[in-house]
N, C-alpha and C. Protein backbone atom coordinates (compact mmCIF):
# COMPACT_ATOMS: atom_id res chain seq x y z
N MET A 1 31.23 82.04 32.11
CA MET A 1 31.09 82.83 33.34
C MET A 1 29.96 83.77 33.62
N THR A 2 29.57 83.87 34.64
CA THR A 2 28.22 84.82 35.05
C THR A 2 28.72 85.92 35.89
N SER A 3 27.98 87.02 35.62
CA SER A 3 27.88 88.02 36.56
C SER A 3 26.50 88.54 36.90
N THR A 4 26.21 88.72 38.17
CA THR A 4 24.75 88.59 38.70
C THR A 4 24.71 89.78 39.89
N THR A 5 23.65 90.55 39.76
CA THR A 5 23.49 91.31 40.72
C THR A 5 22.70 90.73 41.82
N LEU A 6 23.27 90.74 43.02
CA LEU A 6 22.41 90.13 44.18
C LEU A 6 21.87 91.25 45.40
N PRO A 7 21.16 90.77 46.23
CA PRO A 7 20.53 91.89 47.05
C PRO A 7 21.84 92.55 47.86
N SER A 8 21.33 93.45 48.36
CA SER A 8 22.17 94.25 49.62
C SER A 8 23.75 94.56 48.96
N ARG A 9 23.60 94.91 47.92
CA ARG A 9 24.70 95.80 47.35
C ARG A 9 26.07 94.83 47.21
N VAL A 10 25.59 93.65 46.42
CA VAL A 10 26.78 92.65 46.11
C VAL A 10 26.84 92.53 44.66
N LEU A 11 27.93 92.19 44.12
CA LEU A 11 28.20 91.82 42.75
C LEU A 11 28.98 90.52 42.82
N SER A 12 28.72 89.65 41.88
CA SER A 12 29.51 88.32 41.81
C SER A 12 29.91 88.04 40.47
N TRP A 13 31.05 87.29 40.38
CA TRP A 13 31.62 86.71 39.22
C TRP A 13 32.05 85.33 39.42
N ASP A 14 31.65 84.22 38.64
CA ASP A 14 31.89 82.87 38.94
C ASP A 14 32.91 82.57 37.76
N GLU A 15 33.44 81.24 38.06
CA GLU A 15 34.31 80.47 37.34
C GLU A 15 33.61 80.28 35.80
N PRO A 16 34.50 80.12 34.75
CA PRO A 16 33.86 79.80 33.29
C PRO A 16 33.07 78.46 33.56
N THR A 17 32.32 78.26 32.58
CA THR A 17 31.36 77.13 32.48
C THR A 17 32.30 75.75 32.47
N GLY A 18 32.19 74.76 33.20
CA GLY A 18 32.90 73.62 33.03
C GLY A 18 34.21 73.42 33.78
N ILE A 19 34.45 74.48 34.62
CA ILE A 19 35.68 74.72 35.38
C ILE A 19 35.27 74.71 36.63
N ASN A 20 36.04 73.83 37.54
CA ASN A 20 35.70 73.66 39.02
C ASN A 20 36.24 74.92 39.66
N PRO A 21 35.51 75.40 40.54
CA PRO A 21 35.91 76.76 41.30
C PRO A 21 36.95 76.36 42.18
N ARG A 22 38.16 77.10 42.49
CA ARG A 22 39.07 76.88 43.18
C ARG A 22 39.10 77.66 44.58
N GLY A 23 38.02 78.32 44.87
CA GLY A 23 37.84 79.10 46.14
C GLY A 23 37.05 80.24 45.89
N THR A 24 36.79 81.10 46.98
CA THR A 24 35.84 81.99 47.06
C THR A 24 36.49 83.32 47.83
N LEU A 25 36.56 84.46 46.85
CA LEU A 25 37.01 85.59 47.36
C LEU A 25 35.83 86.55 47.71
N ILE A 26 35.79 87.18 49.01
CA ILE A 26 34.86 88.04 49.56
C ILE A 26 35.55 89.36 49.51
N VAL A 27 35.27 90.29 48.63
CA VAL A 27 36.01 91.45 48.48
C VAL A 27 35.11 92.70 49.34
N LEU A 28 35.86 93.53 50.16
CA LEU A 28 35.08 94.49 50.84
C LEU A 28 35.51 95.85 50.14
N THR A 29 34.62 96.68 49.64
CA THR A 29 34.99 97.89 49.01
C THR A 29 35.78 98.92 50.11
N GLY A 30 36.35 99.96 49.36
CA GLY A 30 36.81 101.09 50.13
C GLY A 30 35.88 102.23 50.29
N ARG A 31 36.10 103.32 51.05
CA ARG A 31 35.38 104.36 51.27
C ARG A 31 34.86 104.81 49.89
N GLY A 32 33.44 105.11 49.73
CA GLY A 32 32.93 105.63 48.71
C GLY A 32 32.73 104.85 47.29
N GLU A 33 33.32 103.49 47.42
CA GLU A 33 33.36 102.83 46.14
C GLU A 33 32.01 102.03 46.02
N SER A 34 31.61 102.03 44.88
CA SER A 34 30.54 100.98 44.51
C SER A 34 31.34 99.64 43.91
N PRO A 35 30.54 98.44 44.27
CA PRO A 35 30.94 97.20 43.82
C PRO A 35 31.35 97.19 42.34
N ALA A 36 30.88 98.12 41.56
CA ALA A 36 30.91 98.06 40.02
C ALA A 36 32.43 98.37 39.72
N VAL A 37 33.07 99.09 40.65
CA VAL A 37 34.36 99.27 40.21
C VAL A 37 35.51 98.10 40.19
N TYR A 38 34.97 96.98 40.79
CA TYR A 38 35.56 95.82 40.74
C TYR A 38 35.41 94.91 39.78
N GLU A 39 34.47 95.31 38.63
CA GLU A 39 34.25 94.28 37.68
C GLU A 39 35.48 93.76 36.97
N ARG A 40 36.53 94.66 36.51
CA ARG A 40 37.64 94.14 35.91
C ARG A 40 38.51 93.14 36.86
N PHE A 41 38.61 93.53 38.09
CA PHE A 41 39.21 92.48 39.10
C PHE A 41 38.54 91.27 39.33
N GLY A 42 37.18 91.27 39.35
CA GLY A 42 36.34 90.31 39.46
C GLY A 42 36.36 89.35 38.36
N ARG A 43 36.20 89.92 37.04
CA ARG A 43 36.40 88.97 36.03
C ARG A 43 37.61 88.32 35.80
N ARG A 44 38.76 89.13 36.12
CA ARG A 44 40.24 88.30 35.80
C ARG A 44 40.17 87.35 36.90
N LEU A 45 39.92 87.44 38.03
CA LEU A 45 40.21 86.32 39.26
C LEU A 45 39.21 85.18 38.73
N ALA A 46 37.97 85.54 38.48
CA ALA A 46 36.96 84.46 37.98
C ALA A 46 37.47 83.68 36.78
N ASN A 47 38.33 84.38 35.80
CA ASN A 47 38.68 83.56 34.67
C ASN A 47 39.73 82.64 35.39
N ASP A 48 40.40 82.81 36.38
CA ASP A 48 41.36 81.72 37.00
C ASP A 48 40.56 80.72 38.01
N ALA A 49 39.39 80.88 37.66
CA ALA A 49 38.36 79.89 38.57
C ALA A 49 38.20 80.15 40.04
N TYR A 50 38.33 81.43 40.26
CA TYR A 50 37.90 81.76 41.78
C TYR A 50 36.74 82.65 41.74
N ARG A 51 35.96 82.21 42.60
CA ARG A 51 34.47 82.86 42.65
C ARG A 51 34.83 84.21 43.49
N VAL A 52 34.16 85.30 42.77
CA VAL A 52 34.49 86.54 43.61
C VAL A 52 33.08 87.09 44.05
N ARG A 53 32.81 87.76 45.17
CA ARG A 53 31.81 88.42 45.59
C ARG A 53 32.24 89.64 46.15
N VAL A 54 31.93 90.69 45.56
CA VAL A 54 32.17 92.14 46.04
C VAL A 54 31.10 92.81 46.81
N ILE A 55 31.38 93.12 47.96
CA ILE A 55 30.22 93.76 48.87
C ILE A 55 30.67 95.16 49.27
N GLU A 56 29.73 95.78 49.17
CA GLU A 56 29.93 97.37 49.66
C GLU A 56 30.10 97.38 51.15
N THR A 57 31.14 97.91 51.54
CA THR A 57 31.44 98.28 52.87
C THR A 57 30.84 99.54 53.49
N ARG A 58 29.80 99.04 54.27
CA ARG A 58 28.80 100.28 54.84
C ARG A 58 29.36 100.71 56.19
N LEU A 59 30.16 101.66 55.93
CA LEU A 59 30.93 102.19 57.28
C LEU A 59 29.78 102.67 58.21
N ASP A 60 28.82 103.07 57.94
CA ASP A 60 27.70 103.48 58.75
C ASP A 60 26.81 102.35 59.35
N ASP A 61 27.15 101.17 58.96
CA ASP A 61 26.27 99.97 59.28
C ASP A 61 27.25 98.76 59.21
N LEU A 62 28.29 98.61 59.99
CA LEU A 62 29.27 97.55 59.88
C LEU A 62 28.51 96.24 60.28
N VAL A 63 27.52 96.25 61.18
CA VAL A 63 26.83 95.18 61.46
C VAL A 63 26.17 94.50 60.31
N ALA A 64 25.41 95.31 59.55
CA ALA A 64 24.82 94.74 58.24
C ALA A 64 25.87 94.44 57.21
N THR A 65 27.02 95.08 57.10
CA THR A 65 28.10 94.58 56.24
C THR A 65 28.59 93.24 56.79
N ARG A 66 28.76 92.98 57.92
CA ARG A 66 29.18 91.73 58.53
C ARG A 66 28.20 90.53 58.12
N ALA A 67 27.00 90.94 58.22
CA ALA A 67 25.82 89.87 57.98
C ALA A 67 25.95 89.61 56.55
N GLU A 68 26.32 90.41 55.63
CA GLU A 68 26.32 90.17 54.14
C GLU A 68 27.46 89.39 53.96
N VAL A 69 28.82 89.57 54.52
CA VAL A 69 29.67 88.67 54.45
C VAL A 69 29.47 87.25 54.85
N GLU A 70 28.73 87.31 55.98
CA GLU A 70 28.61 85.85 56.58
C GLU A 70 27.60 85.08 55.59
N ALA A 71 26.44 85.70 55.18
CA ALA A 71 25.74 85.21 54.08
C ALA A 71 26.39 84.66 52.73
N GLN A 72 27.36 85.37 52.38
CA GLN A 72 27.94 85.00 51.07
C GLN A 72 29.13 83.81 51.37
N LEU A 73 29.40 83.70 52.57
CA LEU A 73 30.51 82.63 53.14
C LEU A 73 29.62 81.35 53.31
N ASP A 74 28.31 81.46 53.44
CA ASP A 74 27.58 80.27 54.06
C ASP A 74 27.36 79.43 52.75
N GLY A 75 28.20 78.17 52.81
CA GLY A 75 28.05 77.26 51.76
C GLY A 75 29.12 77.51 50.54
N ALA A 76 30.13 78.67 50.77
CA ALA A 76 30.83 78.90 49.66
C ALA A 76 32.08 77.99 49.47
N VAL A 77 32.52 77.78 48.50
CA VAL A 77 33.65 76.91 47.94
C VAL A 77 34.89 77.43 48.72
N ALA A 78 35.62 76.44 49.45
CA ALA A 78 36.66 76.81 50.19
C ALA A 78 38.12 76.73 49.11
N PRO A 79 39.00 77.57 49.61
CA PRO A 79 39.37 78.19 50.68
C PRO A 79 38.44 79.61 50.56
N HIS A 80 38.23 80.08 51.67
CA HIS A 80 37.64 81.51 51.98
C HIS A 80 38.67 82.57 52.33
N VAL A 81 38.63 83.54 51.34
CA VAL A 81 39.47 84.46 51.41
C VAL A 81 38.62 85.86 51.55
N LEU A 82 39.30 86.58 52.47
CA LEU A 82 38.64 88.03 52.60
C LEU A 82 39.65 88.96 51.96
N VAL A 83 39.06 89.85 51.03
CA VAL A 83 39.96 90.72 50.34
C VAL A 83 39.52 92.31 50.70
N GLY A 84 40.13 93.18 51.17
CA GLY A 84 39.77 94.46 51.47
C GLY A 84 40.57 95.64 50.73
N SER A 85 39.91 96.64 50.52
CA SER A 85 40.49 97.85 50.19
C SER A 85 40.24 98.92 50.82
N ASP A 86 41.32 99.87 51.15
CA ASP A 86 41.13 101.00 51.88
C ASP A 86 40.68 100.56 53.31
N ALA A 87 39.65 101.19 53.84
CA ALA A 87 38.95 100.99 54.97
C ALA A 87 38.23 99.55 55.06
N GLY A 88 37.91 99.04 53.94
CA GLY A 88 37.31 97.67 53.61
C GLY A 88 38.35 96.65 54.15
N ALA A 89 39.81 97.16 53.92
CA ALA A 89 40.84 96.20 54.22
C ALA A 89 40.82 96.00 55.82
N ALA A 90 40.85 97.24 56.48
CA ALA A 90 40.74 97.25 57.94
C ALA A 90 39.53 96.28 58.41
N PHE A 91 38.33 96.56 57.99
CA PHE A 91 37.15 95.64 58.19
C PHE A 91 37.40 94.28 57.90
N ALA A 92 37.99 93.72 56.85
CA ALA A 92 38.41 92.32 56.29
C ALA A 92 39.34 91.93 57.34
N ALA A 93 40.44 92.67 58.01
CA ALA A 93 41.19 92.09 58.94
C ALA A 93 40.56 91.93 60.26
N GLN A 94 39.70 92.62 60.55
CA GLN A 94 38.92 92.49 61.93
C GLN A 94 37.93 91.22 61.61
N LEU A 95 37.37 91.03 60.56
CA LEU A 95 36.17 89.81 60.36
C LEU A 95 37.16 88.62 60.36
N ALA A 96 38.44 88.54 59.80
CA ALA A 96 39.02 87.25 59.67
C ALA A 96 39.39 86.72 61.06
N HIS A 97 39.29 87.50 62.02
CA HIS A 97 39.33 86.77 63.56
C HIS A 97 38.12 86.41 63.82
N ALA A 98 36.97 86.80 63.33
CA ALA A 98 35.85 86.24 63.92
C ALA A 98 35.02 85.27 62.92
N LEU A 99 35.38 85.23 61.70
CA LEU A 99 34.62 84.37 60.73
C LEU A 99 35.41 83.13 60.23
N ASP A 100 36.40 83.03 60.92
CA ASP A 100 37.18 81.76 60.39
C ASP A 100 37.67 81.62 59.03
N ALA A 101 38.20 82.84 58.32
CA ALA A 101 38.63 83.11 56.92
C ALA A 101 39.89 82.18 56.98
N ASP A 102 40.14 81.45 55.74
CA ASP A 102 41.33 80.94 55.45
C ASP A 102 42.69 81.78 55.21
N ALA A 103 42.32 82.91 54.62
CA ALA A 103 43.39 83.86 54.31
C ALA A 103 42.84 85.32 54.19
N LEU A 104 43.82 86.35 53.89
CA LEU A 104 43.52 87.58 53.87
C LEU A 104 44.43 88.26 52.87
N VAL A 105 43.68 89.26 52.11
CA VAL A 105 44.44 90.12 51.09
C VAL A 105 43.99 91.48 51.57
N LEU A 106 45.06 92.27 51.80
CA LEU A 106 44.55 93.61 52.36
C LEU A 106 45.43 94.62 51.39
N ALA A 107 44.69 95.40 50.64
CA ALA A 107 45.03 96.26 49.59
C ALA A 107 44.78 97.59 49.76
N GLY A 108 46.13 98.60 49.97
CA GLY A 108 45.72 99.80 50.18
C GLY A 108 45.17 100.10 51.72
N LEU A 109 45.52 99.11 52.60
CA LEU A 109 45.14 99.22 54.13
C LEU A 109 45.41 100.45 54.54
N THR A 110 44.36 101.24 55.16
CA THR A 110 44.55 102.58 55.89
C THR A 110 43.36 102.70 56.68
N VAL A 111 43.88 103.46 57.75
CA VAL A 111 42.89 104.20 58.69
C VAL A 111 43.01 105.68 58.66
N ALA A 112 43.63 106.12 57.71
CA ALA A 112 43.91 107.56 57.60
C ALA A 112 42.77 108.22 56.58
N ALA A 113 42.42 109.65 56.81
CA ALA A 113 41.81 110.41 55.96
C ALA A 113 42.71 111.13 54.88
N LEU A 114 42.16 111.13 53.80
CA LEU A 114 43.07 111.97 52.73
C LEU A 114 42.85 113.48 52.83
N THR A 115 43.96 114.16 52.61
CA THR A 115 43.85 115.64 52.28
C THR A 115 44.55 115.83 50.79
N GLY A 116 43.76 116.25 49.88
CA GLY A 116 44.28 116.47 48.64
C GLY A 116 43.30 116.11 47.64
N ASP A 117 43.92 115.99 46.36
CA ASP A 117 42.98 115.41 45.24
C ASP A 117 42.61 113.98 45.13
N GLU A 118 41.47 113.72 45.21
CA GLU A 118 41.10 112.33 45.36
C GLU A 118 41.53 111.33 44.09
N LEU A 119 41.10 111.89 42.97
CA LEU A 119 41.33 110.96 41.79
C LEU A 119 42.91 110.73 41.54
N GLU A 120 43.76 111.90 41.94
CA GLU A 120 45.14 111.81 41.85
C GLU A 120 45.53 110.86 42.73
N ALA A 121 45.02 110.76 43.99
CA ALA A 121 45.53 109.84 45.18
C ALA A 121 45.02 108.54 44.61
N ARG A 122 43.92 108.24 44.15
CA ARG A 122 43.40 106.98 43.86
C ARG A 122 44.34 106.27 42.80
N THR A 123 44.48 106.94 41.72
CA THR A 123 44.73 105.96 40.60
C THR A 123 45.42 106.90 39.31
N ALA A 124 46.23 106.42 38.67
CA ALA A 124 46.64 106.99 37.26
C ALA A 124 46.03 106.12 36.21
N CYS A 125 45.02 105.33 36.43
CA CYS A 125 44.49 104.48 35.15
C CYS A 125 43.44 105.26 34.77
N PRO A 126 43.34 105.86 33.67
CA PRO A 126 42.19 106.45 32.75
C PRO A 126 40.89 105.50 32.85
N ALA A 127 41.03 104.07 32.65
CA ALA A 127 39.81 103.47 32.80
C ALA A 127 38.97 103.51 34.19
N HIS A 128 39.97 103.25 35.16
CA HIS A 128 39.51 103.31 36.33
C HIS A 128 38.84 104.69 36.99
N ARG A 129 39.55 105.65 36.56
CA ARG A 129 39.17 107.01 36.81
C ARG A 129 37.63 107.28 36.27
N ALA A 130 37.52 106.70 35.00
CA ALA A 130 36.26 106.69 34.37
C ALA A 130 35.15 105.87 34.97
N ARG A 131 35.64 104.70 35.46
CA ARG A 131 34.60 103.98 36.16
C ARG A 131 34.20 104.48 37.61
N LEU A 132 35.19 105.10 38.35
CA LEU A 132 34.82 105.59 39.55
C LEU A 132 33.67 106.85 39.22
N ALA A 133 34.05 107.75 38.30
CA ALA A 133 33.06 108.79 37.90
C ALA A 133 31.84 108.47 37.60
N GLU A 134 31.40 107.17 36.85
CA GLU A 134 30.29 106.53 36.68
C GLU A 134 29.41 106.05 37.72
N THR A 135 30.39 105.40 38.79
CA THR A 135 29.65 104.50 39.80
C THR A 135 29.78 104.71 41.17
N SER A 136 30.76 105.70 41.46
CA SER A 136 31.04 105.78 42.92
C SER A 136 30.99 107.49 43.42
N ALA A 137 30.89 107.36 44.65
CA ALA A 137 30.80 108.63 45.25
C ALA A 137 32.05 109.14 45.64
N LEU A 138 32.78 110.07 44.99
CA LEU A 138 33.94 110.67 45.21
C LEU A 138 34.00 111.59 46.28
N GLY A 139 35.06 111.81 46.92
CA GLY A 139 35.13 112.73 48.07
C GLY A 139 35.02 111.92 49.59
N HIS A 140 34.85 110.76 49.42
CA HIS A 140 34.78 109.99 50.84
C HIS A 140 36.26 109.62 51.38
N LEU A 141 37.27 109.53 50.50
CA LEU A 141 38.54 109.14 50.98
C LEU A 141 39.12 110.23 52.22
N ALA A 142 38.26 111.47 52.18
CA ALA A 142 38.38 112.40 53.47
C ALA A 142 37.80 112.11 54.48
N ASP A 143 36.66 111.10 54.38
CA ASP A 143 35.99 110.64 55.68
C ASP A 143 36.79 109.84 56.75
N GLU A 144 36.61 110.18 58.03
CA GLU A 144 37.37 109.57 59.03
C GLU A 144 36.82 108.06 58.96
N VAL A 145 37.62 107.23 59.26
CA VAL A 145 37.58 105.79 59.29
C VAL A 145 36.80 105.38 60.77
N PRO A 146 35.84 104.58 60.86
CA PRO A 146 35.19 104.62 62.40
C PRO A 146 36.42 104.04 63.41
N GLU A 147 36.17 104.41 64.35
CA GLU A 147 37.09 104.17 65.46
C GLU A 147 37.18 102.67 65.69
N ALA A 148 36.30 101.83 65.53
CA ALA A 148 36.13 100.47 65.57
C ALA A 148 37.12 99.81 64.65
N LEU A 149 37.59 100.54 63.66
CA LEU A 149 38.35 99.85 62.66
C LEU A 149 39.77 100.29 62.81
N ARG A 150 40.06 101.25 63.67
CA ARG A 150 41.42 101.88 63.61
C ARG A 150 42.70 100.85 64.28
N ASP A 151 42.26 99.89 64.89
CA ASP A 151 43.28 99.17 65.51
C ASP A 151 43.26 97.69 64.78
N VAL A 152 44.23 97.75 63.88
CA VAL A 152 44.12 96.66 63.09
C VAL A 152 45.34 95.58 63.64
N ARG A 153 44.98 94.67 63.91
CA ARG A 153 45.90 93.62 64.54
C ARG A 153 46.66 92.71 63.58
N PRO A 154 47.74 92.22 64.19
CA PRO A 154 48.68 91.26 63.06
C PRO A 154 47.68 90.13 63.00
N PRO A 155 47.76 89.61 61.58
CA PRO A 155 46.78 88.56 61.14
C PRO A 155 47.26 87.28 61.85
N ALA A 156 45.89 86.44 62.14
CA ALA A 156 46.19 85.04 62.58
C ALA A 156 45.99 84.15 61.37
N VAL A 157 45.86 84.39 60.14
CA VAL A 157 45.84 83.58 59.04
C VAL A 157 46.69 84.22 57.84
N PRO A 158 47.10 83.27 56.96
CA PRO A 158 48.29 83.68 56.00
C PRO A 158 47.46 85.00 55.21
N THR A 159 48.34 86.03 55.20
CA THR A 159 48.01 87.21 54.84
C THR A 159 48.81 87.96 53.74
N LEU A 160 48.22 88.45 52.71
CA LEU A 160 49.18 89.14 51.56
C LEU A 160 48.70 90.61 51.75
N VAL A 161 49.49 91.39 51.97
CA VAL A 161 49.50 93.02 52.14
C VAL A 161 50.12 93.47 50.80
N ILE A 162 49.34 94.18 50.10
CA ILE A 162 49.64 94.73 48.63
C ILE A 162 49.35 96.32 48.70
N HIS A 163 50.51 97.05 48.61
CA HIS A 163 50.36 98.51 48.79
C HIS A 163 51.07 99.22 47.69
N GLY A 164 50.46 100.26 47.07
CA GLY A 164 51.29 101.19 46.16
C GLY A 164 52.27 102.13 46.91
N ALA A 165 53.40 101.96 46.27
CA ALA A 165 54.69 102.60 46.93
C ALA A 165 54.34 104.31 46.88
N ALA A 166 53.35 104.64 45.67
CA ALA A 166 53.08 106.09 45.52
C ALA A 166 51.83 106.40 46.32
N ASP A 167 51.39 105.55 47.19
CA ASP A 167 50.08 106.04 47.73
C ASP A 167 50.09 107.03 48.75
N PRO A 168 49.47 108.22 48.46
CA PRO A 168 49.74 109.44 49.24
C PRO A 168 48.88 109.32 50.41
N VAL A 169 47.81 108.32 50.56
CA VAL A 169 47.00 108.22 51.76
C VAL A 169 47.82 107.62 52.94
N SER A 170 48.47 106.75 52.81
CA SER A 170 49.09 105.89 53.80
C SER A 170 50.31 105.25 53.24
N PRO A 171 51.28 105.05 54.07
CA PRO A 171 52.46 104.15 53.79
C PRO A 171 52.20 102.73 53.78
N PRO A 172 52.85 101.91 53.26
CA PRO A 172 52.48 100.43 53.57
C PRO A 172 52.47 100.06 55.15
N PRO A 173 51.45 99.27 55.44
CA PRO A 173 51.43 98.94 56.94
C PRO A 173 52.37 97.90 57.29
N GLN A 174 52.75 97.95 58.55
CA GLN A 174 53.79 97.01 59.24
C GLN A 174 52.95 96.00 60.00
N LEU A 175 52.67 94.77 59.14
CA LEU A 175 51.96 93.85 60.20
C LEU A 175 52.75 92.81 60.37
N PRO A 176 53.34 92.38 61.31
CA PRO A 176 54.08 91.31 61.62
C PRO A 176 53.55 89.85 61.21
N GLY A 177 54.24 89.13 60.50
CA GLY A 177 53.55 87.73 60.08
C GLY A 177 52.77 87.95 58.74
N ALA A 178 52.67 88.98 58.08
CA ALA A 178 52.10 89.21 56.77
C ALA A 178 53.29 89.17 55.69
N GLU A 179 52.70 88.84 54.49
CA GLU A 179 53.77 88.80 53.44
C GLU A 179 53.37 90.28 52.60
N THR A 180 54.42 91.12 52.61
CA THR A 180 54.04 92.45 52.01
C THR A 180 54.69 92.70 50.66
N VAL A 181 53.83 92.96 49.68
CA VAL A 181 54.27 93.40 48.37
C VAL A 181 53.97 94.86 48.08
N THR A 182 55.04 95.58 47.68
CA THR A 182 54.94 97.08 47.39
C THR A 182 54.94 97.17 45.94
N ILE A 183 54.06 98.02 45.49
CA ILE A 183 54.02 98.14 43.85
C ILE A 183 54.73 99.28 43.50
N ALA A 184 55.75 99.32 42.91
CA ALA A 184 56.26 100.68 42.42
C ALA A 184 55.44 101.52 41.72
N GLY A 185 55.41 102.70 42.00
CA GLY A 185 54.46 103.78 41.22
C GLY A 185 53.00 103.44 41.71
N GLY A 186 52.68 102.56 42.28
CA GLY A 186 51.14 102.15 42.55
C GLY A 186 50.51 103.50 43.42
N ARG A 187 49.32 103.68 43.34
CA ARG A 187 48.66 104.75 44.08
C ARG A 187 47.60 103.93 44.90
N HIS A 188 46.61 104.52 45.51
CA HIS A 188 45.80 104.17 46.61
C HIS A 188 45.09 102.86 46.19
N ASP A 189 44.35 103.07 45.04
CA ASP A 189 43.43 101.95 44.63
C ASP A 189 44.25 100.89 44.00
N ILE A 190 45.14 100.24 44.57
CA ILE A 190 45.81 99.38 43.93
C ILE A 190 45.29 98.03 43.32
N LEU A 191 44.23 97.68 43.50
CA LEU A 191 43.65 96.52 42.90
C LEU A 191 43.12 97.02 41.48
N ASN A 192 42.97 98.35 41.21
CA ASN A 192 42.49 98.88 40.06
C ASN A 192 43.37 99.87 39.35
N ASP A 193 44.48 100.03 39.66
CA ASP A 193 45.48 101.12 39.29
C ASP A 193 46.00 100.56 37.93
N VAL A 194 46.89 101.15 37.30
CA VAL A 194 47.46 100.80 36.05
C VAL A 194 48.42 99.42 36.26
N THR A 195 48.75 99.16 37.23
CA THR A 195 49.29 97.77 37.43
C THR A 195 48.45 96.65 37.94
N HIS A 196 47.19 96.82 37.51
CA HIS A 196 46.29 95.89 38.02
C HIS A 196 46.39 94.39 37.39
N ARG A 197 46.99 94.24 36.42
CA ARG A 197 47.49 92.91 35.72
C ARG A 197 48.48 92.43 36.83
N THR A 198 49.62 92.96 37.06
CA THR A 198 50.56 92.45 38.11
C THR A 198 49.96 92.27 39.45
N VAL A 199 49.15 93.10 40.01
CA VAL A 199 48.52 92.99 41.20
C VAL A 199 47.55 91.72 41.23
N ALA A 200 46.75 91.37 40.33
CA ALA A 200 46.02 90.33 40.10
C ALA A 200 46.88 89.05 40.09
N ALA A 201 47.82 89.05 39.27
CA ALA A 201 48.70 88.00 39.00
C ALA A 201 49.36 87.53 40.48
N THR A 202 49.68 88.66 41.17
CA THR A 202 50.47 88.47 42.55
C THR A 202 49.52 87.74 43.47
N ILE A 203 48.14 88.34 43.42
CA ILE A 203 47.13 87.59 44.15
C ILE A 203 46.80 86.15 43.81
N VAL A 204 46.75 86.05 42.49
CA VAL A 204 46.64 84.38 42.06
C VAL A 204 47.63 83.37 42.54
N LEU A 205 48.95 84.08 42.59
CA LEU A 205 50.02 83.29 42.82
C LEU A 205 49.87 83.03 44.56
N PHE A 206 49.53 83.87 45.41
CA PHE A 206 49.31 83.78 46.61
C PHE A 206 48.29 82.67 46.93
N LEU A 207 47.06 82.75 46.27
CA LEU A 207 46.19 81.79 46.33
C LEU A 207 46.61 80.49 46.04
N GLU A 208 47.14 80.42 44.92
CA GLU A 208 47.72 79.03 44.48
C GLU A 208 48.45 78.37 45.53
N ARG A 209 49.49 79.03 46.26
CA ARG A 209 50.29 78.68 47.26
C ARG A 209 49.37 78.27 48.29
N LEU A 210 48.47 78.96 48.71
CA LEU A 210 47.66 78.81 50.03
C LEU A 210 46.93 77.28 49.63
N ARG A 211 46.29 77.16 48.56
CA ARG A 211 45.74 76.09 48.16
C ARG A 211 46.46 74.69 48.16
N HIS A 212 47.63 74.86 47.92
CA HIS A 212 48.68 73.71 47.68
C HIS A 212 49.52 73.56 48.89
N GLY A 213 49.19 74.42 49.95
CA GLY A 213 49.88 74.36 51.39
C GLY A 213 51.50 74.71 51.15
N ALA A 214 51.90 75.56 50.25
CA ALA A 214 53.11 75.92 50.40
C ALA A 214 53.31 76.96 51.81
N ASP A 215 54.56 77.06 52.07
CA ASP A 215 54.86 77.89 53.24
C ASP A 215 54.52 79.30 52.84
N ILE A 216 53.47 79.68 53.85
CA ILE A 216 53.19 81.31 53.71
C ILE A 216 53.05 81.73 55.02
N VAL A 217 54.01 82.85 55.31
CA VAL A 217 54.25 83.30 56.58
C VAL A 217 52.81 83.69 57.33
N VAL A 218 52.66 83.16 58.69
CA VAL A 218 51.76 83.60 59.42
C VAL A 218 52.22 84.04 61.01
C-alpha cells in the first residue's frame, strides 16, 4: 500500500499490492483540517481495497477545490464516492449533483459555527487531538460556512449520513432519502473520534452494499 503527497493539498492511500481496487473515495476535509488528520482513516479504508484521496476543502476558493476533485475523479476506479466532513460534507453534497458521483458519505454535516471549546467539540480521542495539534489550524470551527454551501439538498444518489450523538456543533441532519447512522457518544470529528473503527466499518458495509447492488435508500 502506498501513501503519496500529491499537488494542491491532496494525500492518497492505495490498496495493498496485488489486490484489485474496489472503488475510489474522495474525502473533503472540514474547516481548518489538514488532509494529514485522515491518515488513520485513509489507511484503514485502503486496507479494504478502496483508494482514498483526501483533499483540503478551501472554503475561500471552492472553484479550485472542485477542480481538484474533478482531477482526482478523472480515470478513477469506480464506484466514485464523495466523503465529506463538517463543511466539507456540505460541499460534497453539492458536488454530487454536479459531478455524477455514485454515492455520498456525509460525516458531521453542518453549516453551523461553533461556540465553545473546539477540541472538546471535535473529539475525545487523544491520538486525534495530538494529530490536530500537529497538522491543523484550530479555531476554524467558529468560522461561518460560506452562504453557497448553506442549502444542503436531499441527495440524488445513495447516501450515508454518519453523525455523533454528542456533536455540540449541530444535531444529525434530516435528509430525506439518506441512510442515517448516529454514533452514541460521538463528537463532531466522527471519522476520527474514539469510535473510528466502528465508523470505518459502517462505511465499508455501505460501500460493499453499493458495489453489490443491495437496496440502499435514495
